[in-house]
PDB file of N, CA and C in Angstrom:
ATOM      1  N   MET A   1      -9.029  -7.554   3.762  1.00  0.00           N
ATOM      2  CA  MET A   1      -8.826  -6.863   2.280  1.00  0.00           C
ATOM      3  C   MET A   1      -7.460  -5.910   2.216  1.00  0.00           C
ATOM      4  N   ILE A   2      -6.449  -6.189   1.593  1.00  0.00           N
ATOM      5  CA  ILE A   2      -5.316  -5.540   1.714  1.00  0.00           C
ATOM      6  C   ILE A   2      -4.853  -4.671   0.466  1.00  0.00           C
ATOM      7  N   LYS A   3      -4.731  -3.637   0.272  1.00  0.00           N
ATOM      8  CA  LYS A   3      -4.481  -3.054  -1.066  1.00  0.00           C
ATOM      9  C   LYS A   3      -2.960  -2.595  -1.080  1.00  0.00           C
ATOM     10  N   VAL A   4      -2.390  -2.493  -1.993  1.00  0.00           N
ATOM     11  CA  VAL A   4      -0.792  -2.022  -1.718  1.00  0.00           C
ATOM     12  C   VAL A   4      -0.837  -0.862  -3.475  1.00  0.00           C
ATOM     13  N   TYR A   5      -0.945   0.629  -3.093  1.00  0.00           N
ATOM     14  CA  TYR A   5      -0.923   1.283  -4.307  1.00  0.00           C
ATOM     15  C   TYR A   5       0.126   1.641  -4.601  1.00  0.00           C
ATOM     16  N   THR A   6       0.677   1.254  -5.853  1.00  0.00           N
ATOM     17  CA  THR A   6       1.995   1.471  -6.088  1.00  0.00           C
ATOM     18  C   THR A   6       2.403   2.003  -7.670  1.00  0.00           C
ATOM     19  N   THR A   7       3.570   2.483  -7.968  1.00  0.00           N
ATOM     20  CA  THR A   7       3.852   3.067  -9.389  1.00  0.00           C
ATOM     21  C   THR A   7       5.259   1.812  -9.820  1.00  0.00           C
ATOM     22  N   ASN A   8       5.348   2.296 -11.166  1.00  0.00           N
ATOM     23  CA  ASN A   8       6.225   0.884 -11.691  1.00  0.00           C
ATOM     24  C   ASN A   8       8.015   1.510 -11.259  1.00  0.00           C
ATOM     25  N   SER A   9       7.923   2.724 -10.543  1.00  0.00           N
ATOM     26  CA  SER A   9       9.290   2.824 -10.380  1.00  0.00           C
ATOM     27  C   SER A   9       9.769   3.430  -8.932  1.00  0.00           C
ATOM     28  N   CYS A  10       9.260   2.831  -8.242  1.00  0.00           N
ATOM     29  CA  CYS A  10       8.948   3.111  -6.561  1.00  0.00           C
ATOM     30  C   CYS A  10       9.639   2.048  -5.841  1.00  0.00           C
ATOM     31  N   PRO A  11      11.028   2.558  -5.436  1.00  0.00           N
ATOM     32  CA  PRO A  11      11.682   1.527  -4.471  1.00  0.00           C
ATOM     33  C   PRO A  11      10.910   1.064  -3.300  1.00  0.00           C
ATOM     34  N   TRP A  12      10.512   2.090  -2.652  1.00  0.00           N
ATOM     35  CA  TRP A  12       9.442   1.723  -1.032  1.00  0.00           C
ATOM     36  C   TRP A  12       8.413   0.584  -1.402  1.00  0.00           C
ATOM     37  N   CYS A  13       7.828   0.933  -2.577  1.00  0.00           N
ATOM     38  CA  CYS A  13       6.352  -0.025  -2.953  1.00  0.00           C
ATOM     39  C   CYS A  13       7.206  -1.587  -3.018  1.00  0.00           C
ATOM     40  N   VAL A  14       8.324  -1.530  -3.562  1.00  0.00           N
ATOM     41  CA  VAL A  14       9.026  -3.156  -3.725  1.00  0.00           C
ATOM     42  C   VAL A  14       9.347  -3.481  -2.131  1.00  0.00           C
ATOM     43  N   LYS A  15       9.872  -2.505  -1.152  1.00  0.00           N
ATOM     44  CA  LYS A  15       9.952  -2.657   0.161  1.00  0.00           C
ATOM     45  C   LYS A  15       8.334  -3.552   0.963  1.00  0.00           C
ATOM     46  N   VAL A  16       7.673  -2.487   0.585  1.00  0.00           N
ATOM     47  CA  VAL A  16       6.108  -2.735   1.427  1.00  0.00           C
ATOM     48  C   VAL A  16       5.733  -3.984   0.900  1.00  0.00           C
ATOM     49  N   LYS A  17       5.882  -4.679  -0.522  1.00  0.00           N
ATOM     50  CA  LYS A  17       5.248  -5.699  -0.981  1.00  0.00           C
ATOM     51  C   LYS A  17       5.959  -6.885  -0.696  1.00  0.00           C
ATOM     52  N   ASN A  18       7.492  -6.841  -0.240  1.00  0.00           N
ATOM     53  CA  ASN A  18       8.174  -7.601  -0.092  1.00  0.00           C
ATOM     54  C   ASN A  18       8.236  -8.193   1.324  1.00  0.00           C
ATOM     55  N   TYR A  19       8.033  -6.767   2.318  1.00  0.00           N
ATOM     56  CA  TYR A  19       7.404  -7.372   3.802  1.00  0.00           C
ATOM     57  C   TYR A  19       6.335  -8.107   3.713  1.00  0.00           C
ATOM     58  N   LEU A  20       5.263  -7.625   3.205  1.00  0.00           N
ATOM     59  CA  LEU A  20       3.830  -8.378   3.023  1.00  0.00           C
ATOM     60  C   LEU A  20       4.663  -9.945   3.030  1.00  0.00           C
ATOM     61  N   LYS A  21       4.851 -10.146   1.762  1.00  0.00           N
ATOM     62  CA  LYS A  21       5.211 -11.422   1.261  1.00  0.00           C
ATOM     63  C   LYS A  21       6.125 -12.318   2.387  1.00  0.00           C
ATOM     64  N   THR A  22       7.123 -11.653   2.991  1.00  0.00           N
ATOM     65  CA  THR A  22       7.836 -12.125   4.117  1.00  0.00           C
ATOM     66  C   THR A  22       6.965 -12.572   5.377  1.00  0.00           C
ATOM     67  N   ASN A  23       5.851 -11.713   5.643  1.00  0.00           N
ATOM     68  CA  ASN A  23       4.659 -12.323   6.440  1.00  0.00           C
ATOM     69  C   ASN A  23       3.661 -12.930   6.386  1.00  0.00           C
ATOM     70  N   GLY A  24       3.988 -13.557   4.932  1.00  0.00           N
ATOM     71  CA  GLY A  24       2.874 -14.310   4.530  1.00  0.00           C
ATOM     72  C   GLY A  24       1.664 -13.698   4.068  1.00  0.00           C
ATOM     73  N   VAL A  25       1.487 -12.539   4.200  1.00  0.00           N
ATOM     74  CA  VAL A  25       0.367 -11.694   3.785  1.00  0.00           C
ATOM     75  C   VAL A  25       0.181 -11.452   2.535  1.00  0.00           C
ATOM     76  N   SER A  26      -1.174 -11.825   2.004  1.00  0.00           N
ATOM     77  CA  SER A  26      -1.736 -11.636   0.270  1.00  0.00           C
ATOM     78  C   SER A  26      -2.078 -10.141   0.545  1.00  0.00           C
ATOM     79  N   TYR A  27      -2.152  -9.754  -0.937  1.00  0.00           N
ATOM     80  CA  TYR A  27      -2.687  -8.524  -0.964  1.00  0.00           C
ATOM     81  C   TYR A  27      -2.728  -8.147  -2.235  1.00  0.00           C
ATOM     82  N   GLU A  28      -3.520  -6.986  -2.508  1.00  0.00           N
ATOM     83  CA  GLU A  28      -3.770  -6.550  -3.892  1.00  0.00           C
ATOM     84  C   GLU A  28      -3.160  -5.741  -4.358  1.00  0.00           C
ATOM     85  N   GLU A  29      -2.224  -5.359  -5.323  1.00  0.00           N
ATOM     86  CA  GLU A  29      -1.514  -4.366  -5.865  1.00  0.00           C
ATOM     87  C   GLU A  29      -2.366  -3.647  -6.828  1.00  0.00           C
ATOM     88  N   LEU A  30      -2.562  -2.269  -6.722  1.00  0.00           N
ATOM     89  CA  LEU A  30      -2.938  -1.350  -7.826  1.00  0.00           C
ATOM     90  C   LEU A  30      -1.905  -0.341  -8.207  1.00  0.00           C
ATOM     91  N   ASN A  31      -1.521  -0.609  -9.281  1.00  0.00           N
ATOM     92  CA  ASN A  31      -0.332   0.330 -10.012  1.00  0.00           C
ATOM     93  C   ASN A  31      -1.306   1.779 -10.470  1.00  0.00           C
ATOM     94  N   VAL A  32      -1.125   2.897  -9.657  1.00  0.00           N
ATOM     95  CA  VAL A  32      -1.753   4.086  -9.960  1.00  0.00           C
ATOM     96  C   VAL A  32      -1.116   4.767 -11.095  1.00  0.00           C
ATOM     97  N   GLN A  33      -0.204   4.344 -11.647  1.00  0.00           N
ATOM     98  CA  GLN A  33       0.593   4.988 -12.583  1.00  0.00           C
ATOM     99  C   GLN A  33      -0.314   4.522 -13.963  1.00  0.00           C
ATOM    100  N   GLU A  34      -0.625   3.275 -13.927  1.00  0.00           N
ATOM    101  CA  GLU A  34      -1.259   3.038 -15.268  1.00  0.00           C
ATOM    102  C   GLU A  34      -3.062   3.204 -14.918  1.00  0.00           C
ATOM    103  N   ASP A  35      -3.291   3.117 -13.660  1.00  0.00           N
ATOM    104  CA  ASP A  35      -4.981   2.887 -13.477  1.00  0.00           C
ATOM    105  C   ASP A  35      -5.275   4.078 -12.518  1.00  0.00           C
ATOM    106  N   THR A  36      -6.159   4.929 -13.258  1.00  0.00           N
ATOM    107  CA  THR A  36      -6.511   6.213 -13.097  1.00  0.00           C
ATOM    108  C   THR A  36      -7.840   6.270 -12.084  1.00  0.00           C
ATOM    109  N   ALA A  37      -8.499   4.797 -12.044  1.00  0.00           N
ATOM    110  CA  ALA A  37      -9.355   4.776 -11.269  1.00  0.00           C
ATOM    111  C   ALA A  37      -8.685   4.595  -9.776  1.00  0.00           C
ATOM    112  N   ALA A  38      -7.878   3.592  -9.930  1.00  0.00           N
ATOM    113  CA  ALA A  38      -7.046   3.243  -8.558  1.00  0.00           C
ATOM    114  C   ALA A  38      -6.438   4.400  -7.870  1.00  0.00           C
ATOM    115  N   ARG A  39      -5.654   5.307  -8.828  1.00  0.00           N
ATOM    116  CA  ARG A  39      -5.531   6.744  -8.271  1.00  0.00           C
ATOM    117  C   ARG A  39      -6.291   7.531  -7.690  1.00  0.00           C
ATOM    118  N   LYS A  40      -7.405   7.733  -8.058  1.00  0.00           N
ATOM    119  CA  LYS A  40      -8.868   8.195  -7.593  1.00  0.00           C
ATOM    120  C   LYS A  40      -8.652   7.657  -6.247  1.00  0.00           C
ATOM    121  N   GLU A  41      -9.049   6.474  -6.111  1.00  0.00           N
ATOM    122  CA  GLU A  41      -9.316   5.660  -5.017  1.00  0.00           C
ATOM    123  C   GLU A  41      -8.368   5.994  -3.744  1.00  0.00           C
ATOM    124  N   MET A  42      -7.104   6.018  -4.073  1.00  0.00           N
ATOM    125  CA  MET A  42      -5.696   6.063  -3.245  1.00  0.00           C
ATOM    126  C   MET A  42      -5.840   7.598  -2.672  1.00  0.00           C
ATOM    127  N   PHE A  43      -6.457   8.520  -3.396  1.00  0.00           N
ATOM    128  CA  PHE A  43      -6.257   9.901  -3.129  1.00  0.00           C
ATOM    129  C   PHE A  43      -7.556  10.353  -2.373  1.00  0.00           C
ATOM    130  N   ASP A  44      -8.221   9.465  -2.429  1.00  0.00           N
ATOM    131  CA  ASP A  44      -9.801   9.686  -1.613  1.00  0.00           C
ATOM    132  C   ASP A  44      -9.312   8.914  -0.212  1.00  0.00           C
ATOM    133  N   LYS A  45      -8.599   8.251  -0.029  1.00  0.00           N
ATOM    134  CA  LYS A  45      -8.207   7.168   0.971  1.00  0.00           C
ATOM    135  C   LYS A  45      -7.654   8.077   1.650  1.00  0.00           C
ATOM    136  N   SER A  46      -6.379   8.330   1.232  1.00  0.00           N
ATOM    137  CA  SER A  46      -4.996   8.857   1.919  1.00  0.00           C
ATOM    138  C   SER A  46      -4.932  10.390   1.603  1.00  0.00           C
ATOM    139  N   LYS A  47      -5.453  11.323   0.819  1.00  0.00           N
ATOM    140  CA  LYS A  47      -5.201  12.780   0.938  1.00  0.00           C
ATOM    141  C   LYS A  47      -3.930  12.883   0.062  1.00  0.00           C
ATOM    142  N   GLN A  48      -3.117  11.930  -0.383  1.00  0.00           N
ATOM    143  CA  GLN A  48      -1.899  11.672  -0.556  1.00  0.00           C
ATOM    144  C   GLN A  48      -1.721  11.362  -2.108  1.00  0.00           C
ATOM    145  N   MET A  49      -0.733  12.102  -3.066  1.00  0.00           N
ATOM    146  CA  MET A  49      -0.147  11.131  -4.281  1.00  0.00           C
ATOM    147  C   MET A  49       1.030  10.638  -4.356  1.00  0.00           C
ATOM    148  N   GLY A  50       1.380  10.307  -3.271  1.00  0.00           N
ATOM    149  CA  GLY A  50       2.846   9.944  -2.708  1.00  0.00           C
ATOM    150  C   GLY A  50       2.449   8.364  -2.716  1.00  0.00           C
ATOM    151  N   VAL A  51       3.246   7.406  -3.044  1.00  0.00           N
ATOM    152  CA  VAL A  51       3.214   5.898  -2.909  1.00  0.00           C
ATOM    153  C   VAL A  51       4.600   5.204  -2.216  1.00  0.00           C
ATOM    154  N   PRO A  52       4.448   4.025  -1.471  1.00  0.00           N
ATOM    155  CA  PRO A  52       3.109   3.155  -1.641  1.00  0.00           C
ATOM    156  C   PRO A  52       2.265   4.110  -0.531  1.00  0.00           C
ATOM    157  N   VAL A  53       1.307   3.467  -0.660  1.00  0.00           N
ATOM    158  CA  VAL A  53      -0.078   3.674   0.051  1.00  0.00           C
ATOM    159  C   VAL A  53      -0.637   2.198   0.468  1.00  0.00           C
ATOM    160  N   VAL A  54      -0.763   2.022   1.787  1.00  0.00           N
ATOM    161  CA  VAL A  54      -1.171   0.243   2.158  1.00  0.00           C
ATOM    162  C   VAL A  54      -2.256   0.515   2.583  1.00  0.00           C
ATOM    163  N   ASP A  55      -3.290   0.001   2.304  1.00  0.00           N
ATOM    164  CA  ASP A  55      -5.006  -0.209   2.949  1.00  0.00           C
ATOM    165  C   ASP A  55      -5.138  -1.507   3.403  1.00  0.00           C
ATOM    166  N   ILE A  56      -4.998  -1.248   4.870  1.00  0.00           N
ATOM    167  CA  ILE A  56      -5.341  -3.001   5.634  1.00  0.00           C
ATOM    168  C   ILE A  56      -6.156  -2.496   5.937  1.00  0.00           C
ATOM    169  N   ASN A  57      -7.342  -3.562   5.848  1.00  0.00           N
ATOM    170  CA  ASN A  57      -8.932  -3.495   6.388  1.00  0.00           C
ATOM    171  C   ASN A  57      -9.221  -1.811   7.024  1.00  0.00           C
ATOM    172  N   GLY A  58      -8.515  -1.039   5.898  1.00  0.00           N
ATOM    173  CA  GLY A  58      -9.282   0.488   6.358  1.00  0.00           C
ATOM    174  C   GLY A  58      -8.213   1.277   7.210  1.00  0.00           C
ATOM    175  N   SER A  59      -7.173   0.687   7.354  1.00  0.00           N
ATOM    176  CA  SER A  59      -6.093   1.060   8.104  1.00  0.00           C
ATOM    177  C   SER A  59      -5.378   1.943   6.986  1.00  0.00           C
ATOM    178  N   ILE A  60      -5.377   3.152   6.705  1.00  0.00           N
ATOM    179  CA  ILE A  60      -4.351   4.091   5.680  1.00  0.00           C
ATOM    180  C   ILE A  60      -3.022   4.036   6.563  1.00  0.00           C
ATOM    181  N   ILE A  61      -2.060   3.315   5.528  1.00  0.00           N
ATOM    182  CA  ILE A  61      -0.364   4.051   5.619  1.00  0.00           C
ATOM    183  C   ILE A  61       0.302   4.423   4.705  1.00  0.00           C
ATOM    184  N   VAL A  62       0.935   5.517   4.910  1.00  0.00           N
ATOM    185  CA  VAL A  62       1.321   6.150   3.791  1.00  0.00           C
ATOM    186  C   VAL A  62       2.710   5.946   4.034  1.00  0.00           C
ATOM    187  N   GLY A  63       3.577   5.370   2.929  1.00  0.00           N
ATOM    188  CA  GLY A  63       5.139   4.960   2.898  1.00  0.00           C
ATOM    189  C   GLY A  63       5.226   3.378   3.737  1.00  0.00           C
ATOM    190  N   PHE A  64       6.379   3.264   3.526  1.00  0.00           N
ATOM    191  CA  PHE A  64       6.831   1.926   4.430  1.00  0.00           C
ATOM    192  C   PHE A  64       6.990   2.383   6.161  1.00  0.00           C
ATOM    193  N   ASN A  65       5.941   2.233   6.407  1.00  0.00           N
ATOM    194  CA  ASN A  65       5.961   2.777   8.006  1.00  0.00           C
ATOM    195  C   ASN A  65       5.927   0.978   8.664  1.00  0.00           C
ATOM    196  N   LYS A  66       7.053   0.732   8.859  1.00  0.00           N
ATOM    197  CA  LYS A  66       6.455  -1.033   9.501  1.00  0.00           C
ATOM    198  C   LYS A  66       6.288  -0.892  10.428  1.00  0.00           C
ATOM    199  N   PRO A  67       6.219   0.073  11.756  1.00  0.00           N
ATOM    200  CA  PRO A  67       5.256  -0.604  12.925  1.00  0.00           C
ATOM    201  C   PRO A  67       3.833  -0.387  12.695  1.00  0.00           C
ATOM    202  N   ALA A  68       3.462   0.985  11.790  1.00  0.00           N
ATOM    203  CA  ALA A  68       2.440   0.828  11.562  1.00  0.00           C
ATOM    204  C   ALA A  68       1.683  -0.497  10.584  1.00  0.00           C
ATOM    205  N   ILE A  69       2.397  -0.736   9.597  1.00  0.00           N
ATOM    206  CA  ILE A  69       1.584  -2.011   9.010  1.00  0.00           C
ATOM    207  C   ILE A  69       1.682  -3.207   9.776  1.00  0.00           C
ATOM    208  N   ASP A  70       2.334  -3.591  10.699  1.00  0.00           N
ATOM    209  CA  ASP A  70       2.890  -4.482  12.055  1.00  0.00           C
ATOM    210  C   ASP A  70       1.658  -4.497  12.899  1.00  0.00           C
ATOM    211  N   GLU A  71       0.796  -3.342  13.386  1.00  0.00           N
ATOM    212  CA  GLU A  71      -0.006  -2.786  14.128  1.00  0.00           C
ATOM    213  C   GLU A  71      -1.137  -3.371  13.313  1.00  0.00           C
ATOM    214  N   ALA A  72      -1.392  -2.780  12.325  1.00  0.00           N
ATOM    215  CA  ALA A  72      -2.797  -2.885  11.444  1.00  0.00           C
ATOM    216  C   ALA A  72      -3.146  -4.580  11.185  1.00  0.00           C
ATOM    217  N   LEU A  73      -1.966  -5.104  10.876  1.00  0.00           N
ATOM    218  CA  LEU A  73      -2.060  -6.698  10.663  1.00  0.00           C
ATOM    219  C   LEU A  73      -2.037  -7.462  11.935  1.00  0.00           C
ATOM    220  N   GLY A  74      -1.850  -6.858  13.071  1.00  0.00           N
ATOM    221  CA  GLY A  74      -1.970  -7.434  14.053  1.00  0.00           C
ATOM    222  C   GLY A  74      -0.707  -8.186  14.833  1.00  0.00           C
ATOM    223  N   LEU A  75       0.437  -7.892  14.002  1.00  0.00           N
ATOM    224  CA  LEU A  75       1.473  -8.512  14.145  1.00  0.00           C
ATOM    225  C   LEU A  75       2.367  -8.256  15.467  1.00  0.00           C
TER     226      LEU A  75
END
């Protein structure tokens, strides 16, 4: 299960989502700007309030960190 925590106006969130789509990876998007439960979940996992935060099968990646995303996906 892959989750991407985003907000409405985050350009890096768009980059993460596009990168995952380009690699044929499906994900669940959680908008922490509108969903307080998702915001709490993101903070509990990452200890961060900044987005994007990507949870790839328990590997927490803060920001658009392509090498870390590739490693977590096994690419």
